[in-house]
Amino acid sequence: MTFDELLDYFDGQSYRDISKQLGVPIGQLTYYKQNGIPEGRQAIIEIQTNGKLKSDIPKLIKLEEA
């Protein structure tokens, strides 16, 4: 998932509101915007959104196989 997809899901809510709902500091959202959302956090967000946002599962599977 991309940061833009995350913002679209939260439909214009403030970073403060998004950070509260995800349980991450506001600064973490800035990090995600600049560097992308780490795969592990993507998986957590997928669970938090009941699958409405999808993580990059193939990368996670490859890590487990290594």
PDB file of N, CA and C in Angstrom:
ATOM      1  N   MET A   1       0.839  -1.178   0.000  1.00  0.00           N
ATOM      2  CA  MET A   1       0.000   0.000   0.000  1.00  0.00           C
ATOM      3  C   MET A   1       0.880   1.236   0.000  1.00  0.00           C
ATOM      4  N   THR A   2       0.368   2.258  -0.600  1.00  0.00           N
ATOM      5  CA  THR A   2       1.106   3.516  -0.656  1.00  0.00           C
ATOM      6  C   THR A   2       0.558   4.479   0.386  1.00  0.00           C
ATOM      7  N   PHE A   3       1.314   5.517   0.642  1.00  0.00           N
ATOM      8  CA  PHE A   3       0.857   6.533   1.580  1.00  0.00           C
ATOM      9  C   PHE A   3      -0.391   7.224   1.046  1.00  0.00           C
ATOM     10  N   ASP A   4      -0.443   7.450  -0.267  1.00  0.00           N
ATOM     11  CA  ASP A   4      -1.629   8.079  -0.862  1.00  0.00           C
ATOM     12  C   ASP A   4      -2.872   7.215  -0.674  1.00  0.00           C
ATOM     13  N   GLU A   5      -2.729   5.897  -0.776  1.00  0.00           N
ATOM     14  CA  GLU A   5      -3.862   5.004  -0.532  1.00  0.00           C
ATOM     15  C   GLU A   5      -4.331   5.111   0.919  1.00  0.00           C
ATOM     16  N   LEU A   6      -3.376   5.237   1.827  1.00  0.00           N
ATOM     17  CA  LEU A   6      -3.706   5.404   3.236  1.00  0.00           C
ATOM     18  C   LEU A   6      -4.502   6.688   3.450  1.00  0.00           C
ATOM     19  N   LEU A   7      -4.035   7.784   2.851  1.00  0.00           N
ATOM     20  CA  LEU A   7      -4.749   9.060   2.977  1.00  0.00           C
ATOM     21  C   LEU A   7      -6.141   8.978   2.355  1.00  0.00           C
ATOM     22  N   ASP A   8      -6.254   8.337   1.205  1.00  0.00           N
ATOM     23  CA  ASP A   8      -7.560   8.194   0.553  1.00  0.00           C
ATOM     24  C   ASP A   8      -8.529   7.424   1.447  1.00  0.00           C
ATOM     25  N   TYR A   9      -8.033   6.376   2.087  1.00  0.00           N
ATOM     26  CA  TYR A   9      -8.881   5.576   2.967  1.00  0.00           C
ATOM     27  C   TYR A   9      -9.455   6.434   4.102  1.00  0.00           C
ATOM     28  N   PHE A  10      -8.622   7.309   4.647  1.00  0.00           N
ATOM     29  CA  PHE A  10      -9.058   8.149   5.763  1.00  0.00           C
ATOM     30  C   PHE A  10      -9.739   9.433   5.286  1.00  0.00           C
ATOM     31  N   ASP A  11      -9.926   9.581   3.991  1.00  0.00           N
ATOM     32  CA  ASP A  11     -10.781  10.594   3.373  1.00  0.00           C
ATOM     33  C   ASP A  11     -10.622  11.998   3.955  1.00  0.00           C
ATOM     34  N   GLY A  12      -9.408  12.518   3.889  1.00  0.00           N
ATOM     35  CA  GLY A  12      -9.196  13.906   4.260  1.00  0.00           C
ATOM     36  C   GLY A  12      -9.076  14.182   5.747  1.00  0.00           C
ATOM     37  N   GLN A  13      -9.010  13.152   6.570  1.00  0.00           N
ATOM     38  CA  GLN A  13      -8.837  13.379   8.001  1.00  0.00           C
ATOM     39  C   GLN A  13      -7.445  13.948   8.266  1.00  0.00           C
ATOM     40  N   SER A  14      -7.294  14.615   9.390  1.00  0.00           N
ATOM     41  CA  SER A  14      -5.998  15.195   9.741  1.00  0.00           C
ATOM     42  C   SER A  14      -5.006  14.097  10.116  1.00  0.00           C
ATOM     43  N   TYR A  15      -3.724  14.442  10.033  1.00  0.00           N
ATOM     44  CA  TYR A  15      -2.684  13.495  10.449  1.00  0.00           C
ATOM     45  C   TYR A  15      -2.915  13.086  11.905  1.00  0.00           C
ATOM     46  N   ARG A  16      -3.359  14.030  12.726  1.00  0.00           N
ATOM     47  CA  ARG A  16      -3.606  13.729  14.145  1.00  0.00           C
ATOM     48  C   ARG A  16      -4.669  12.638  14.279  1.00  0.00           C
ATOM     49  N   ASP A  17      -5.760  12.767  13.548  1.00  0.00           N
ATOM     50  CA  ASP A  17      -6.827  11.766  13.624  1.00  0.00           C
ATOM     51  C   ASP A  17      -6.360  10.410  13.096  1.00  0.00           C
ATOM     52  N   ILE A  18      -5.631  10.436  11.989  1.00  0.00           N
ATOM     53  CA  ILE A  18      -5.127   9.183  11.419  1.00  0.00           C
ATOM     54  C   ILE A  18      -4.167   8.516  12.386  1.00  0.00           C
ATOM     55  N   SER A  19      -3.278   9.289  12.977  1.00  0.00           N
ATOM     56  CA  SER A  19      -2.302   8.702  13.898  1.00  0.00           C
ATOM     57  C   SER A  19      -2.991   8.079  15.106  1.00  0.00           C
ATOM     58  N   LYS A  20      -4.037   8.711  15.611  1.00  0.00           N
ATOM     59  CA  LYS A  20      -4.786   8.140  16.740  1.00  0.00           C
ATOM     60  C   LYS A  20      -5.439   6.825  16.345  1.00  0.00           C
ATOM     61  N   GLN A  21      -6.033   6.785  15.170  1.00  0.00           N
ATOM     62  CA  GLN A  21      -6.731   5.576  14.731  1.00  0.00           C
ATOM     63  C   GLN A  21      -5.764   4.420  14.472  1.00  0.00           C
ATOM     64  N   LEU A  22      -4.566   4.743  13.993  1.00  0.00           N
ATOM     65  CA  LEU A  22      -3.573   3.700  13.712  1.00  0.00           C
ATOM     66  C   LEU A  22      -2.709   3.369  14.925  1.00  0.00           C
ATOM     67  N   GLY A  23      -2.715   4.259  15.917  1.00  0.00           N
ATOM     68  CA  GLY A  23      -1.894   4.037  17.093  1.00  0.00           C
ATOM     69  C   GLY A  23      -0.419   4.295  16.858  1.00  0.00           C
ATOM     70  N   VAL A  24      -0.121   5.277  16.008  1.00  0.00           N
ATOM     71  CA  VAL A  24       1.275   5.649  15.731  1.00  0.00           C
ATOM     72  C   VAL A  24       1.435   7.150  15.968  1.00  0.00           C
ATOM     73  N   PRO A  25       2.651   7.605  16.305  1.00  0.00           N
ATOM     74  CA  PRO A  25       2.879   9.048  16.450  1.00  0.00           C
ATOM     75  C   PRO A  25       2.692   9.779  15.117  1.00  0.00           C
ATOM     76  N   ILE A  26       2.330  11.046  15.199  1.00  0.00           N
ATOM     77  CA  ILE A  26       2.148  11.846  13.982  1.00  0.00           C
ATOM     78  C   ILE A  26       3.426  11.856  13.147  1.00  0.00           C
ATOM     79  N   GLY A  27       4.562  11.942  13.797  1.00  0.00           N
ATOM     80  CA  GLY A  27       5.837  11.946  13.087  1.00  0.00           C
ATOM     81  C   GLY A  27       6.057  10.696  12.259  1.00  0.00           C
ATOM     82  N   GLN A  28       5.467   9.586  12.695  1.00  0.00           N
ATOM     83  CA  GLN A  28       5.599   8.341  11.939  1.00  0.00           C
ATOM     84  C   GLN A  28       4.904   8.459  10.583  1.00  0.00           C
ATOM     85  N   LEU A  29       3.798   9.192  10.546  1.00  0.00           N
ATOM     86  CA  LEU A  29       3.094   9.402   9.275  1.00  0.00           C
ATOM     87  C   LEU A  29       3.973  10.189   8.298  1.00  0.00           C
ATOM     88  N   THR A  30       4.705  11.176   8.819  1.00  0.00           N
ATOM     89  CA  THR A  30       5.629  11.937   7.978  1.00  0.00           C
ATOM     90  C   THR A  30       6.710  11.013   7.426  1.00  0.00           C
ATOM     91  N   TYR A  31       7.203  10.122   8.263  1.00  0.00           N
ATOM     92  CA  TYR A  31       8.198   9.143   7.811  1.00  0.00           C
ATOM     93  C   TYR A  31       7.616   8.280   6.693  1.00  0.00           C
ATOM     94  N   TYR A  32       6.381   7.788   6.884  1.00  0.00           N
ATOM     95  CA  TYR A  32       5.743   6.952   5.858  1.00  0.00           C
ATOM     96  C   TYR A  32       5.594   7.719   4.548  1.00  0.00           C
ATOM     97  N   LYS A  33       5.262   9.008   4.643  1.00  0.00           N
ATOM     98  CA  LYS A  33       5.095   9.826   3.437  1.00  0.00           C
ATOM     99  C   LYS A  33       6.410   9.930   2.675  1.00  0.00           C
ATOM    100  N   GLN A  34       7.515  10.105   3.389  1.00  0.00           N
ATOM    101  CA  GLN A  34       8.815  10.304   2.758  1.00  0.00           C
ATOM    102  C   GLN A  34       9.473   9.002   2.319  1.00  0.00           C
ATOM    103  N   ASN A  35       9.258   7.930   3.073  1.00  0.00           N
ATOM    104  CA  ASN A  35      10.012   6.686   2.851  1.00  0.00           C
ATOM    105  C   ASN A  35       9.157   5.474   2.488  1.00  0.00           C
ATOM    106  N   GLY A  36       7.862   5.639   2.482  1.00  0.00           N
ATOM    107  CA  GLY A  36       6.972   4.505   2.248  1.00  0.00           C
ATOM    108  C   GLY A  36       6.623   3.817   3.560  1.00  0.00           C
ATOM    109  N   ILE A  37       5.584   3.027   3.517  1.00  0.00           N
ATOM    110  CA  ILE A  37       5.109   2.319   4.710  1.00  0.00           C
ATOM    111  C   ILE A  37       5.791   0.957   4.753  1.00  0.00           C
ATOM    112  N   PRO A  38       6.505   0.657   5.838  1.00  0.00           N
ATOM    113  CA  PRO A  38       7.172  -0.647   5.928  1.00  0.00           C
ATOM    114  C   PRO A  38       6.163  -1.795   5.825  1.00  0.00           C
ATOM    115  N   GLU A  39       6.611  -2.920   5.269  1.00  0.00           N
ATOM    116  CA  GLU A  39       5.710  -4.051   5.016  1.00  0.00           C
ATOM    117  C   GLU A  39       5.029  -4.546   6.289  1.00  0.00           C
ATOM    118  N   GLY A  40       5.762  -4.601   7.382  1.00  0.00           N
ATOM    119  CA  GLY A  40       5.163  -5.060   8.637  1.00  0.00           C
ATOM    120  C   GLY A  40       4.040  -4.152   9.093  1.00  0.00           C
ATOM    121  N   ARG A  41       4.239  -2.843   8.980  1.00  0.00           N
ATOM    122  CA  ARG A  41       3.194  -1.884   9.352  1.00  0.00           C
ATOM    123  C   ARG A  41       2.029  -1.981   8.373  1.00  0.00           C
ATOM    124  N   GLN A  42       2.324  -2.241   7.093  1.00  0.00           N
ATOM    125  CA  GLN A  42       1.249  -2.435   6.120  1.00  0.00           C
ATOM    126  C   GLN A  42       0.349  -3.591   6.546  1.00  0.00           C
ATOM    127  N   ALA A  43       0.961  -4.670   7.004  1.00  0.00           N
ATOM    128  CA  ALA A  43       0.178  -5.842   7.428  1.00  0.00           C
ATOM    129  C   ALA A  43      -0.715  -5.479   8.613  1.00  0.00           C
ATOM    130  N   ILE A  44      -0.188  -4.690   9.548  1.00  0.00           N
ATOM    131  CA  ILE A  44      -0.988  -4.267  10.709  1.00  0.00           C
ATOM    132  C   ILE A  44      -2.139  -3.380  10.251  1.00  0.00           C
ATOM    133  N   ILE A  45      -1.860  -2.445   9.331  1.00  0.00           N
ATOM    134  CA  ILE A  45      -2.905  -1.550   8.827  1.00  0.00           C
ATOM    135  C   ILE A  45      -3.967  -2.343   8.075  1.00  0.00           C
ATOM    136  N   GLU A  46      -3.555  -3.367   7.343  1.00  0.00           N
ATOM    137  CA  GLU A  46      -4.537  -4.215   6.649  1.00  0.00           C
ATOM    138  C   GLU A  46      -5.506  -4.831   7.655  1.00  0.00           C
ATOM    139  N   ILE A  47      -4.990  -5.300   8.767  1.00  0.00           N
ATOM    140  CA  ILE A  47      -5.851  -5.875   9.811  1.00  0.00           C
ATOM    141  C   ILE A  47      -6.733  -4.793  10.423  1.00  0.00           C
ATOM    142  N   GLN A  48      -6.138  -3.628  10.719  1.00  0.00           N
ATOM    143  CA  GLN A  48      -6.894  -2.532  11.332  1.00  0.00           C
ATOM    144  C   GLN A  48      -8.023  -2.033  10.440  1.00  0.00           C
ATOM    145  N   THR A  49      -7.854  -2.141   9.122  1.00  0.00           N
ATOM    146  CA  THR A  49      -8.880  -1.661   8.192  1.00  0.00           C
ATOM    147  C   THR A  49      -9.761  -2.803   7.681  1.00  0.00           C
ATOM    148  N   ASN A  50      -9.674  -3.946   8.330  1.00  0.00           N
ATOM    149  CA  ASN A  50     -10.468  -5.121   7.923  1.00  0.00           C
ATOM    150  C   ASN A  50     -10.277  -5.477   6.456  1.00  0.00           C
ATOM    151  N   GLY A  51      -9.030  -5.322   5.975  1.00  0.00           N
ATOM    152  CA  GLY A  51      -8.698  -5.720   4.615  1.00  0.00           C
ATOM    153  C   GLY A  51      -9.038  -4.709   3.537  1.00  0.00           C
ATOM    154  N   LYS A  52      -9.539  -3.537   3.925  1.00  0.00           N
ATOM    155  CA  LYS A  52      -9.864  -2.532   2.909  1.00  0.00           C
ATOM    156  C   LYS A  52      -8.609  -1.944   2.280  1.00  0.00           C
ATOM    157  N   LEU A  53      -7.527  -1.866   3.047  1.00  0.00           N
ATOM    158  CA  LEU A  53      -6.212  -1.532   2.500  1.00  0.00           C
ATOM    159  C   LEU A  53      -5.400  -2.816   2.498  1.00  0.00           C
ATOM    160  N   LYS A  54      -4.680  -3.064   1.434  1.00  0.00           N
ATOM    161  CA  LYS A  54      -3.934  -4.318   1.289  1.00  0.00           C
ATOM    162  C   LYS A  54      -2.436  -4.080   1.436  1.00  0.00           C
ATOM    163  N   SER A  55      -1.805  -4.944   2.222  1.00  0.00           N
ATOM    164  CA  SER A  55      -0.350  -4.875   2.364  1.00  0.00           C
ATOM    165  C   SER A  55       0.314  -5.536   1.165  1.00  0.00           C
ATOM    166  N   ASP A  56       1.604  -5.320   1.063  1.00  0.00           N
ATOM    167  CA  ASP A  56       2.384  -5.916  -0.017  1.00  0.00           C
ATOM    168  C   ASP A  56       2.802  -7.314   0.453  1.00  0.00           C
ATOM    169  N   ILE A  57       1.860  -8.253   0.454  1.00  0.00           N
ATOM    170  CA  ILE A  57       2.062  -9.599   0.997  1.00  0.00           C
ATOM    171  C   ILE A  57       3.203 -10.369   0.318  1.00  0.00           C
ATOM    172  N   PRO A  58       3.394 -10.285  -0.988  1.00  0.00           N
ATOM    173  CA  PRO A  58       4.488 -11.065  -1.587  1.00  0.00           C
ATOM    174  C   PRO A  58       5.840 -10.793  -0.946  1.00  0.00           C
ATOM    175  N   LYS A  59       6.126  -9.536  -0.572  1.00  0.00           N
ATOM    176  CA  LYS A  59       7.393  -9.230   0.086  1.00  0.00           C
ATOM    177  C   LYS A  59       7.471  -9.904   1.444  1.00  0.00           C
ATOM    178  N   LEU A  60       6.355  -9.941   2.173  1.00  0.00           N
ATOM    179  CA  LEU A  60       6.353 -10.582   3.483  1.00  0.00           C
ATOM    180  C   LEU A  60       6.583 -12.081   3.353  1.00  0.00           C
ATOM    181  N   ILE A  61       5.961 -12.696   2.369  1.00  0.00           N
ATOM    182  CA  ILE A  61       6.118 -14.133   2.172  1.00  0.00           C
ATOM    183  C   ILE A  61       7.565 -14.457   1.820  1.00  0.00           C
ATOM    184  N   LYS A  62       8.189 -13.660   0.971  1.00  0.00           N
ATOM    185  CA  LYS A  62       9.577 -13.899   0.585  1.00  0.00           C
ATOM    186  C   LYS A  62      10.493 -13.810   1.798  1.00  0.00           C
ATOM    187  N   LEU A  63      10.224 -12.898   2.713  1.00  0.00           N
ATOM    188  CA  LEU A  63      11.053 -12.788   3.914  1.00  0.00           C
ATOM    189  C   LEU A  63      10.940 -14.036   4.765  1.00  0.00           C
ATOM    190  N   GLU A  64       9.761 -14.612   4.862  1.00  0.00           N
ATOM    191  CA  GLU A  64       9.558 -15.811   5.667  1.00  0.00           C
ATOM    192  C   GLU A  64      10.260 -17.007   5.035  1.00  0.00           C
ATOM    193  N   GLU A  65      10.334 -17.074   3.722  1.00  0.00           N
ATOM    194  CA  GLU A  65      10.946 -18.211   3.032  1.00  0.00           C
ATOM    195  C   GLU A  65      12.475 -18.171   3.113  1.00  0.00           C
ATOM    196  N   ALA A  66      13.047 -16.996   3.305  1.00  0.00           N
ATOM    197  CA  ALA A  66      14.514 -16.841   3.295  1.00  0.00           C
ATOM    198  C   ALA A  66      15.188 -17.476   4.484  1.00  0.00           C
TER     199      ALA A  66
END
